[in-house]
Protein backbone atom coordinates (compact mmCIF):
# COMPACT_ATOMS: atom_id res chain seq x y z
CA MET A 1 -102.41 16.09 90.49
CA LYS A 2 -98.72 15.17 89.54
CA LYS A 3 -96.35 17.67 87.45
CA LEU A 4 -96.80 15.29 84.75
CA PHE A 5 -100.81 16.26 84.70
CA LEU A 6 -99.57 19.49 83.03
CA ALA A 7 -98.04 18.03 80.39
CA ALA A 8 -100.70 15.17 79.28
CA PHE A 9 -103.54 18.52 79.85
CA ALA A 10 -101.52 20.27 77.29
CA SER A 11 -101.20 17.36 74.47
CA ALA A 12 -104.54 16.73 75.00
CA CYS A 13 -105.82 20.26 73.76
CA LEU A 14 -103.01 20.43 70.80
CA ALA A 15 -104.37 18.95 67.52
CA THR A 16 -101.72 19.14 64.07
CA PRO A 17 -102.75 21.42 61.56
CA ALA A 18 -102.99 18.79 59.53
CA LEU A 19 -105.27 17.12 61.88
CA ALA A 20 -107.97 19.61 62.36
CA ILE A 21 -108.21 19.87 58.75
CA SER A 22 -108.22 16.41 57.50
CA THR A 23 -110.64 15.26 60.76
CA VAL A 24 -114.37 15.13 59.67
CA ASP A 25 -116.23 16.23 62.82
CA ARG A 26 -118.89 13.62 62.73
CA ILE A 27 -120.49 11.92 65.64
CA VAL A 28 -118.68 8.68 67.04
CA ALA A 29 -121.28 7.99 69.95
CA VAL A 30 -124.27 9.34 71.31
CA VAL A 31 -124.65 8.82 75.19
CA ASN A 32 -127.93 9.43 76.31
CA ASN A 33 -128.63 13.18 75.35
CA SER A 34 -124.92 13.92 74.85
CA VAL A 35 -123.05 13.59 71.88
CA ILE A 36 -118.95 12.60 71.51
CA THR A 37 -117.25 13.78 68.09
CA GLN A 38 -114.37 12.49 66.28
CA SER A 39 -112.46 15.63 67.02
CA GLU A 40 -113.01 15.37 70.57
CA LEU A 41 -111.72 11.31 70.51
CA ALA A 42 -108.89 12.44 67.99
CA GLN A 43 -107.40 14.46 70.99
CA ARG A 44 -108.05 11.76 73.57
CA VAL A 45 -106.30 9.52 71.27
CA GLN A 46 -103.34 11.86 70.71
CA ASN A 47 -102.86 12.09 74.84
CA ALA A 48 -103.26 8.66 75.30
CA ARG A 49 -100.50 8.08 72.53
CA GLY A 50 -98.24 10.94 74.36
CA ASN A 51 -98.50 8.91 77.90
CA LEU A 52 -98.08 5.81 76.68
CA GLN A 53 -94.93 7.13 74.87
CA ARG A 54 -94.16 8.61 78.51
CA GLN A 55 -94.66 5.35 79.94
CA ASN A 56 -92.21 3.53 77.21
CA ILE A 57 -95.23 1.46 76.34
CA GLU A 58 -95.66 0.87 71.99
CA ALA A 59 -99.45 2.02 71.28
CA PRO A 60 -101.54 -0.09 69.70
CA ALA A 61 -102.70 0.04 66.49
CA ALA A 62 -105.10 3.13 65.83
CA GLU A 63 -108.24 1.57 65.50
CA VAL A 64 -107.54 -0.67 68.80
CA LEU A 65 -106.26 2.94 70.74
CA SER A 66 -109.22 4.86 69.29
CA ARG A 67 -111.60 1.99 70.57
CA GLN A 68 -110.35 2.06 73.91
CA VAL A 69 -110.68 5.69 74.63
CA LEU A 70 -113.77 5.87 73.30
CA ASP A 71 -114.96 3.55 75.93
CA MET A 72 -113.15 5.40 78.70
CA MET A 73 -114.89 8.45 77.35
CA ILE A 74 -118.29 7.07 77.37
CA ASN A 75 -118.15 6.07 80.59
CA GLU A 76 -116.87 9.45 81.67
CA GLN A 77 -120.09 10.85 80.04
CA LEU A 78 -122.04 8.28 82.09
CA GLN A 79 -120.80 9.28 85.35
CA LEU A 80 -120.58 12.72 84.98
CA GLN A 81 -124.16 13.14 83.62
CA TYR A 82 -124.89 10.93 87.06
CA ALA A 83 -123.45 13.78 88.81
CA ASN A 84 -125.21 16.50 86.90
CA ASN A 85 -128.53 14.35 87.57
CA ASN A 86 -128.27 14.12 91.33
CA GLY A 87 -127.02 17.47 92.08
CA LEU A 88 -123.28 17.08 92.57
CA ARG A 89 -120.91 20.33 91.84
CA ILE A 90 -117.50 21.37 92.23
CA GLY A 91 -117.38 24.83 93.50
CA GLU A 92 -115.33 27.81 92.15
CA LEU A 93 -113.17 27.75 95.13
CA GLU A 94 -112.02 24.41 95.17
CA LEU A 95 -111.14 24.65 91.40
CA ASP A 96 -109.00 27.67 92.29
CA GLN A 97 -107.17 25.67 95.07
CA ALA A 98 -106.85 22.72 92.49
CA LEU A 99 -105.28 24.97 90.12
CA GLN A 100 -103.05 26.81 92.82
CA SER A 101 -102.12 23.19 93.96
CA ILE A 102 -100.86 22.40 90.11
CA ALA A 103 -99.09 25.59 90.25
CA GLN A 104 -96.74 24.99 93.17
CA GLN A 105 -96.19 21.65 92.06
CA ASN A 106 -94.35 22.97 88.62
CA LYS A 107 -92.62 25.45 91.06
CA THR A 108 -94.64 28.97 89.49
CA ASP A 109 -97.74 31.20 90.74
CA LEU A 110 -100.81 31.64 88.80
CA PRO A 111 -99.54 33.81 86.17
CA GLY A 112 -96.70 31.59 85.59
CA LEU A 113 -98.93 28.27 84.94
CA ARG A 114 -101.11 30.67 82.28
CA ALA A 115 -98.06 31.74 80.98
CA LEU A 116 -97.15 27.91 80.50
CA LEU A 117 -100.11 26.57 79.00
CA GLU A 118 -100.55 29.43 76.27
CA LYS A 119 -96.59 28.46 75.47
CA ASP A 120 -98.13 25.16 74.90
CA GLY A 121 -101.19 26.67 72.99
CA SER A 122 -103.52 25.94 75.29
CA SER A 123 -105.09 28.14 77.88
CA MET A 124 -106.47 28.57 81.75
CA ALA A 125 -110.12 28.22 80.88
CA LYS A 126 -109.45 24.72 79.06
CA LEU A 127 -107.35 23.77 81.80
CA ARG A 128 -110.32 24.74 84.62
CA GLU A 129 -112.22 22.74 82.36
CA GLN A 130 -110.56 19.69 82.46
CA LEU A 131 -110.34 20.24 86.34
CA ARG A 132 -113.60 20.12 87.39
CA SER A 133 -114.28 17.19 84.91
CA ASP A 134 -111.78 15.32 86.68
CA LEU A 135 -112.63 16.41 90.16
CA LEU A 136 -116.17 15.21 89.67
CA LEU A 137 -114.90 12.33 88.58
CA GLU A 138 -113.36 11.22 91.62
CA ARG A 139 -116.05 13.15 93.50
CA ILE A 140 -118.68 10.74 92.25
CA LYS A 141 -116.58 7.66 92.85
CA GLU A 142 -115.50 8.65 96.85
CA ARG A 143 -119.51 9.01 97.02
CA GLU A 144 -121.30 6.28 95.27
CA VAL A 145 -118.78 3.63 95.45
CA ASN A 146 -115.49 4.05 97.97
CA SER A 147 -117.17 5.75 101.03
CA ARG A 148 -119.84 2.40 100.93
CA VAL A 149 -116.79 -0.30 100.89
CA ASN A 150 -115.88 -1.38 104.41
CA VAL A 151 -113.94 -3.78 105.48
CA THR A 152 -114.66 -5.64 108.80
CA ASP A 153 -112.18 -6.61 111.87
CA GLN A 154 -113.05 -10.30 111.44
CA GLU A 155 -112.59 -10.22 107.94
CA VAL A 156 -109.12 -8.77 108.42
CA ALA A 157 -108.37 -11.53 110.93
CA GLN A 158 -109.72 -14.18 109.00
CA VAL A 159 -107.15 -13.43 106.03
CA GLN A 160 -104.54 -13.58 108.48
CA GLN A 161 -105.23 -16.70 110.05
CA THR A 162 -105.24 -18.18 106.45
CA THR A 163 -101.91 -16.76 105.25
CA THR A 164 -99.84 -17.56 107.90
CA GLY A 165 -95.94 -16.51 106.91
CA LEU A 166 -96.97 -14.97 103.98
CA ASN A 167 -97.65 -11.39 106.12
CA ARG A 168 -94.10 -10.41 104.60
CA ILE A 169 -94.27 -11.37 100.74
CA GLU A 170 -95.05 -8.45 98.49
CA TYR A 171 -95.59 -9.20 94.28
CA ARG A 172 -95.72 -6.58 92.00
CA LEU A 173 -98.37 -7.20 89.49
CA ALA A 174 -99.89 -6.22 86.10
CA ALA A 175 -103.21 -7.36 84.73
CA ILE A 176 -105.11 -7.38 81.62
CA GLN A 177 -108.93 -7.51 82.48
CA VAL A 178 -112.08 -8.59 80.16
CA ASN A 179 -115.37 -8.19 82.81
CA ILE A 180 -117.83 -10.42 82.50
CA PRO A 181 -121.88 -8.73 82.59
CA GLU A 182 -123.95 -9.73 85.60
CA ARG A 183 -125.85 -13.23 84.79
CA ALA A 184 -124.02 -13.53 81.57
CA THR A 185 -124.82 -16.25 78.89
CA PRO A 186 -122.17 -19.11 78.62
CA ALA A 187 -121.88 -17.74 74.79
CA GLN A 188 -121.03 -14.16 76.47
CA VAL A 189 -118.82 -15.57 78.65
CA GLU A 190 -116.84 -17.23 76.30
CA GLU A 191 -116.62 -14.34 74.02
CA ARG A 192 -115.05 -13.02 76.57
CA ARG A 193 -112.75 -15.66 76.89
CA GLN A 194 -112.02 -15.94 73.54
CA LYS A 195 -110.60 -12.08 73.40
CA LEU A 196 -108.30 -12.66 76.47
CA ILE A 197 -107.02 -15.90 74.78
CA LYS A 198 -106.44 -13.89 71.59
CA ALA A 199 -104.35 -11.31 74.04
CA GLU A 200 -102.89 -14.14 75.56
CA ALA A 201 -101.70 -15.14 71.94
CA GLU A 202 -100.11 -12.09 70.93
CA ILE A 203 -97.78 -11.99 74.51
CA LYS A 204 -97.04 -15.44 73.67
CA ALA A 205 -96.27 -14.02 70.05
CA GLY A 206 -93.32 -11.28 71.75
CA LYS A 207 -95.67 -8.52 72.21
CA SER A 208 -94.76 -6.66 75.80
CA PHE A 209 -97.54 -7.06 78.33
CA ALA A 210 -98.14 -3.60 78.84
CA GLN A 211 -99.05 -3.11 75.13
CA VAL A 212 -101.21 -5.95 75.02
CA ALA A 213 -102.94 -4.73 78.05
CA ALA A 214 -103.34 -1.29 76.76
CA ALA A 215 -105.07 -2.65 73.49
CA TYR A 216 -107.20 -5.12 75.19
CA SER A 217 -107.57 -4.96 78.98
CA GLU A 218 -111.05 -3.04 80.49
CA ALA A 219 -109.81 -2.08 83.59
CA SER A 220 -109.34 1.84 84.13
CA ASN A 221 -105.12 1.40 84.13
CA ALA A 222 -104.97 -0.32 80.73
CA LEU A 223 -103.37 2.56 79.30
CA GLN A 224 -100.82 2.53 82.22
CA GLY A 225 -100.20 -1.06 80.68
CA GLY A 226 -102.26 -2.61 83.44
CA ASP A 227 -99.74 -1.66 86.24
CA LEU A 228 -101.32 -2.80 89.28
CA GLY A 229 -97.86 -1.83 91.93
CA TRP A 230 -97.46 -3.94 94.75
CA ARG A 231 -99.78 -6.48 96.81
CA ASN A 232 -99.19 -8.23 99.44
CA ALA A 233 -99.87 -11.92 99.52
CA SER A 234 -102.08 -11.64 102.79
CA ALA A 235 -104.33 -10.16 100.67
CA LEU A 236 -104.83 -12.57 98.19
CA PRO A 237 -106.27 -15.83 97.77
CA GLN A 238 -104.27 -18.59 98.45
CA ASP A 239 -104.52 -20.86 95.31
CA PHE A 240 -103.29 -17.41 93.61
CA ILE A 241 -100.23 -17.29 95.72
CA LYS A 242 -99.39 -20.67 95.10
CA LEU A 243 -99.96 -19.77 91.02
CA LEU A 244 -97.55 -16.62 91.58
CA ASP A 245 -94.36 -18.69 93.61
CA SER A 246 -94.84 -20.92 90.58
CA LEU A 247 -93.99 -18.21 88.05
CA PRO A 248 -90.74 -16.49 87.46
CA VAL A 249 -90.62 -12.73 87.64
CA GLY A 250 -91.41 -11.71 84.37
CA GLY A 251 -93.84 -14.86 83.80
CA VAL A 252 -97.82 -14.18 82.41
CA THR A 253 -100.48 -16.67 84.16
CA GLU A 254 -102.80 -18.99 82.24
CA LEU A 255 -106.52 -17.33 82.51
CA VAL A 256 -107.54 -16.31 86.02
CA ARG A 257 -111.42 -15.82 86.71
CA ALA A 258 -112.07 -14.05 89.86
CA SER A 259 -114.35 -11.63 91.27
CA GLY A 260 -116.57 -11.33 87.84
CA SER A 261 -113.81 -10.57 85.82
CA LEU A 262 -111.31 -12.87 83.70
CA TYR A 263 -107.82 -11.83 83.70
CA LEU A 264 -103.75 -12.74 82.50
CA PHE A 265 -101.43 -11.45 85.37
CA LYS A 266 -97.88 -10.73 84.70
CA LEU A 267 -95.51 -10.85 88.01
CA VAL A 268 -93.42 -8.46 87.56
CA ASP A 269 -91.83 -8.31 90.82
CA LYS A 270 -91.31 -9.89 94.06
CA ARG A 271 -89.67 -8.72 97.66
CA ASP A 272 -89.69 -9.98 100.92
CA THR A 273 -90.20 -7.02 103.67
CA SER A 274 -89.46 -9.06 106.63
CA GLY A 275 -87.48 -6.45 109.31
CA PRO A 276 -88.67 -3.21 110.78
CA GLN A 277 -90.65 -1.47 108.91
CA TYR A 278 -90.12 2.69 109.49
CA VAL A 279 -92.52 4.89 108.16
CA LYS A 280 -93.33 8.73 108.68
CA GLN A 281 -96.64 9.40 110.52
CA HIS A 282 -98.13 13.04 111.68
CA LYS A 283 -100.05 13.80 114.18
CA VAL A 284 -103.09 16.12 112.90
CA ARG A 285 -106.34 17.35 114.45
CA HIS A 286 -108.83 18.72 111.92
CA ILE A 287 -112.33 20.83 111.81
CA LEU A 288 -114.48 19.84 109.13
CA VAL A 289 -117.59 21.80 107.77
CA LYS A 290 -119.75 19.61 105.39
CA THR A 291 -121.12 20.31 102.67
CA ASN A 292 -124.61 18.73 101.78
CA GLU A 293 -128.14 20.12 100.49
CA ALA A 294 -128.59 22.10 103.50
CA THR A 295 -125.30 23.65 103.58
CA SER A 296 -123.72 25.01 99.90
CA ASP A 297 -119.83 24.83 99.24
CA THR A 298 -119.79 28.78 99.69
CA ASP A 299 -121.88 28.69 102.62
CA ALA A 300 -119.44 26.22 104.30
CA TYR A 301 -116.62 27.71 102.97
CA ALA A 302 -117.72 31.49 104.83
CA ARG A 303 -117.88 29.35 108.16
CA ILE A 304 -114.87 28.12 108.00
CA LEU A 305 -113.11 31.27 107.04
CA GLN A 306 -114.92 32.59 110.16
CA VAL A 307 -113.22 29.47 112.26
CA GLN A 308 -110.06 30.59 110.80
CA ASP A 309 -109.96 33.83 111.57
CA ARG A 310 -110.81 33.41 115.33
CA ILE A 311 -108.02 30.87 115.94
CA LYS A 312 -105.72 33.39 113.97
CA ARG A 313 -106.94 35.90 116.78
CA GLY A 314 -106.01 33.15 119.43
CA ALA A 315 -108.58 31.25 120.06
CA LYS A 316 -107.25 27.21 120.55
CA PHE A 317 -107.53 25.12 117.88
CA GLU A 318 -108.73 22.21 119.85
CA ASP A 319 -111.56 24.31 121.76
CA MET A 320 -112.99 25.54 117.85
CA ALA A 321 -112.88 21.63 117.11
CA ARG A 322 -115.12 20.98 119.41
CA GLN A 323 -117.59 24.20 119.19
CA PHE A 324 -117.85 23.84 115.46
CA SER A 325 -116.08 20.61 113.60
CA GLU A 326 -118.96 18.51 112.25
CA ASP A 327 -116.65 15.26 112.30
CA GLY A 328 -116.70 12.59 114.68
CA SER A 329 -113.55 13.68 116.36
CA ALA A 330 -115.14 16.95 117.68
CA SER A 331 -115.27 15.95 121.00
CA LEU A 332 -111.48 15.06 121.14
CA GLY A 333 -110.64 18.48 119.97
CA GLY A 334 -110.30 17.29 115.91
CA ASP A 335 -107.64 14.35 117.05
CA LEU A 336 -107.32 11.70 114.53
CA GLY A 337 -104.14 10.80 116.28
CA TRP A 338 -101.30 9.38 114.00
CA VAL A 339 -101.63 9.55 110.76
CA ASN A 340 -100.13 7.28 108.22
CA GLU A 341 -99.76 7.37 104.41
CA GLY A 342 -103.22 6.61 102.85
CA ASP A 343 -105.50 6.53 105.85
CA THR A 344 -106.96 9.93 104.61
CA VAL A 345 -108.33 11.47 100.95
CA PRO A 346 -105.49 12.52 99.00
CA ASP A 347 -106.42 16.16 99.13
CA PHE A 348 -106.40 16.10 103.13
CA GLU A 349 -103.33 14.33 103.04
CA ARG A 350 -101.40 16.46 100.72
CA THR A 351 -101.95 19.36 102.56
CA PHE A 352 -100.74 18.42 106.32
CA ARG A 353 -97.56 16.61 104.58
CA GLN A 354 -96.53 20.17 103.40
CA LEU A 355 -97.31 21.66 107.01
CA GLN A 356 -94.23 22.55 109.26
CA ALA A 357 -95.11 21.19 113.09
CA LYS A 358 -97.70 23.50 115.03
CA GLN A 359 -98.64 25.40 111.98
CA VAL A 360 -102.50 25.61 110.81
CA SER A 361 -103.69 24.96 107.06
CA GLU A 362 -105.44 27.08 104.91
CA PRO A 363 -109.14 25.91 104.44
CA VAL A 364 -108.99 23.05 101.90
CA LYS A 365 -111.57 20.73 99.98
CA THR A 366 -112.27 17.20 100.33
CA PRO A 367 -115.16 15.33 99.18
CA PHE A 368 -116.71 15.62 102.82
CA GLY A 369 -116.38 19.18 102.93
CA TRP A 370 -114.14 22.46 103.99
CA HIS A 371 -111.25 21.39 106.49
CA LEU A 372 -108.67 23.37 108.77
CA ILE A 373 -105.82 21.11 109.42
CA LEU A 374 -103.18 21.06 112.44
CA LEU A 375 -100.38 19.12 112.14
CA GLU A 376 -98.95 18.71 115.75
CA ASP A 377 -95.83 16.71 115.31
CA VAL A 378 -94.32 14.13 112.73
CA ARG A 379 -92.19 11.05 113.43
CA SER A 380 -90.48 8.02 112.12
CA GLN A 381 -92.22 4.52 113.57
CA ASP A 382 -91.39 1.14 113.22
CA VAL A 383 -94.96 -0.65 111.97
CA SER A 384 -93.84 -3.39 111.08
CA THR A 385 -96.39 -5.57 113.38
CA ASP A 386 -99.70 -3.21 112.94
CA ARG A 387 -98.76 -2.96 108.85
CA GLU A 388 -99.38 -6.19 108.50
CA LYS A 389 -102.86 -5.72 109.74
CA LEU A 390 -103.31 -2.42 108.02
CA VAL A 391 -102.07 -3.73 104.43
CA VAL A 392 -104.35 -6.33 104.89
CA LYS A 393 -107.25 -4.09 105.58
CA GLN A 394 -106.61 -1.89 102.83
CA GLN A 395 -105.77 -4.29 99.97
CA ILE A 396 -108.87 -5.86 100.99
CA ARG A 397 -110.70 -2.78 100.89
CA GLN A 398 -109.21 -1.73 97.50
CA ARG A 399 -110.16 -5.23 96.14
CA LYS A 400 -113.77 -4.77 96.93
CA ILE A 401 -113.73 -1.16 96.04
CA GLU A 402 -112.51 -2.06 92.45
CA GLN A 403 -114.50 -4.69 91.66
CA SER A 404 -117.89 -2.45 93.08
CA TYR A 405 -116.86 0.32 90.85
CA ILE A 406 -116.85 -2.24 87.94
CA ASP A 407 -120.30 -3.32 88.99
CA TRP A 408 -121.40 0.17 89.21
CA LEU A 409 -120.22 1.06 86.04
CA GLU A 410 -121.87 -1.80 84.48
CA GLN A 411 -125.00 -0.49 86.09
CA LEU A 412 -124.73 3.02 84.98
CA ARG A 413 -124.42 1.19 81.24
CA ALA A 414 -126.84 -1.00 81.17
CA SER A 415 -129.48 1.86 81.97
CA ALA A 416 -128.15 4.25 79.74
CA PHE A 417 -128.80 4.84 75.35
CA ILE A 418 -125.55 4.18 73.93
CA ASP A 419 -125.11 4.23 70.43
CA ASP A 420 -121.76 3.72 69.25
CA ARG A 421 -120.61 4.77 66.04
CA LEU A 422 -117.21 4.62 65.90
CA VAL A 423 -117.13 2.16 62.68
CA GLU A 424 -119.42 3.66 60.10
CA LYS A 425 -122.05 1.54 59.12
């Protein structure tokens, strides 16, 4: 969670007095056994508008933005209901840790964070509940999608063989994505295609790609202007690379169909990464106590505190890892070797990057459980050769995760009762 989270959260919690008076708090959507009200939608729309403004993206028309935001809220409600039905929870200890992290990133402590929130008309309680939802959404995606996606060495080798000479080319892309339901009829496919054709026409008429993405894209990054970041050529289909290479920087493709969706892509930038690639690597050990049906969050935290106490009293970290860690690295004394950026989940990485060499962290919670982390050393390493394989593997995995997440959400929506009342009948 970055510093901007606080500003975005504050704007989400505030509504002007005029808005509060004039808004009729009617129900705009029913999602199974819960509802979304007009006032809740208005706050989220205000937040989205503020985020777009900070990115210098012109907001779409009010009714279009409301539609985009409501669809996102419906998806969130479905996921939170799924979590509740499957016993997924965010414990108070984890929330405390997340609040501490936000305070540190804003260069203050918890009382200071509370003062900042109150100055903006919000409260620590509201931030706490927003954090609970955000962390739970991350936990659901990690459990139901990310953890089930695997990339084999054979897949990586196959991609590298078919993209020889392209491993050092990278493209900065943005996309407008329209999803096609599984087993869609020809009429449904055509309806989806017409939506993207309309988006394409608006771009040709002079609207910015980011503004059109915010209005039309059905991807989770729609309100970030469809930004996809940098993609390595070796992780893209060859036909798509030919399409991109024929585009000038700033150009937009024709309609592209891939992985069950329709796209318009914009080539934002292009670069050649030939030559040495130096990255900072961290040599890390850890001890993991898992949370599961048999071990509650509170019990796992108590156990990791006991291990921490023994280390503080002189026990060797690697001995404690062999004895108590529930990770596959336990037999190696918790040794994870040299870790690159992106190799571990965000909370784990954020923690070890803040440590000094030979320092042991405080207990940190991830989707796997509670950890103690020992940073043994830091180095700058030329990974130009290994990086090619790593980048290909990461981007194949990311592509699989994106498509699996779309499919999972579609299934969730298909099995739910959704009564969309945004447009009054």
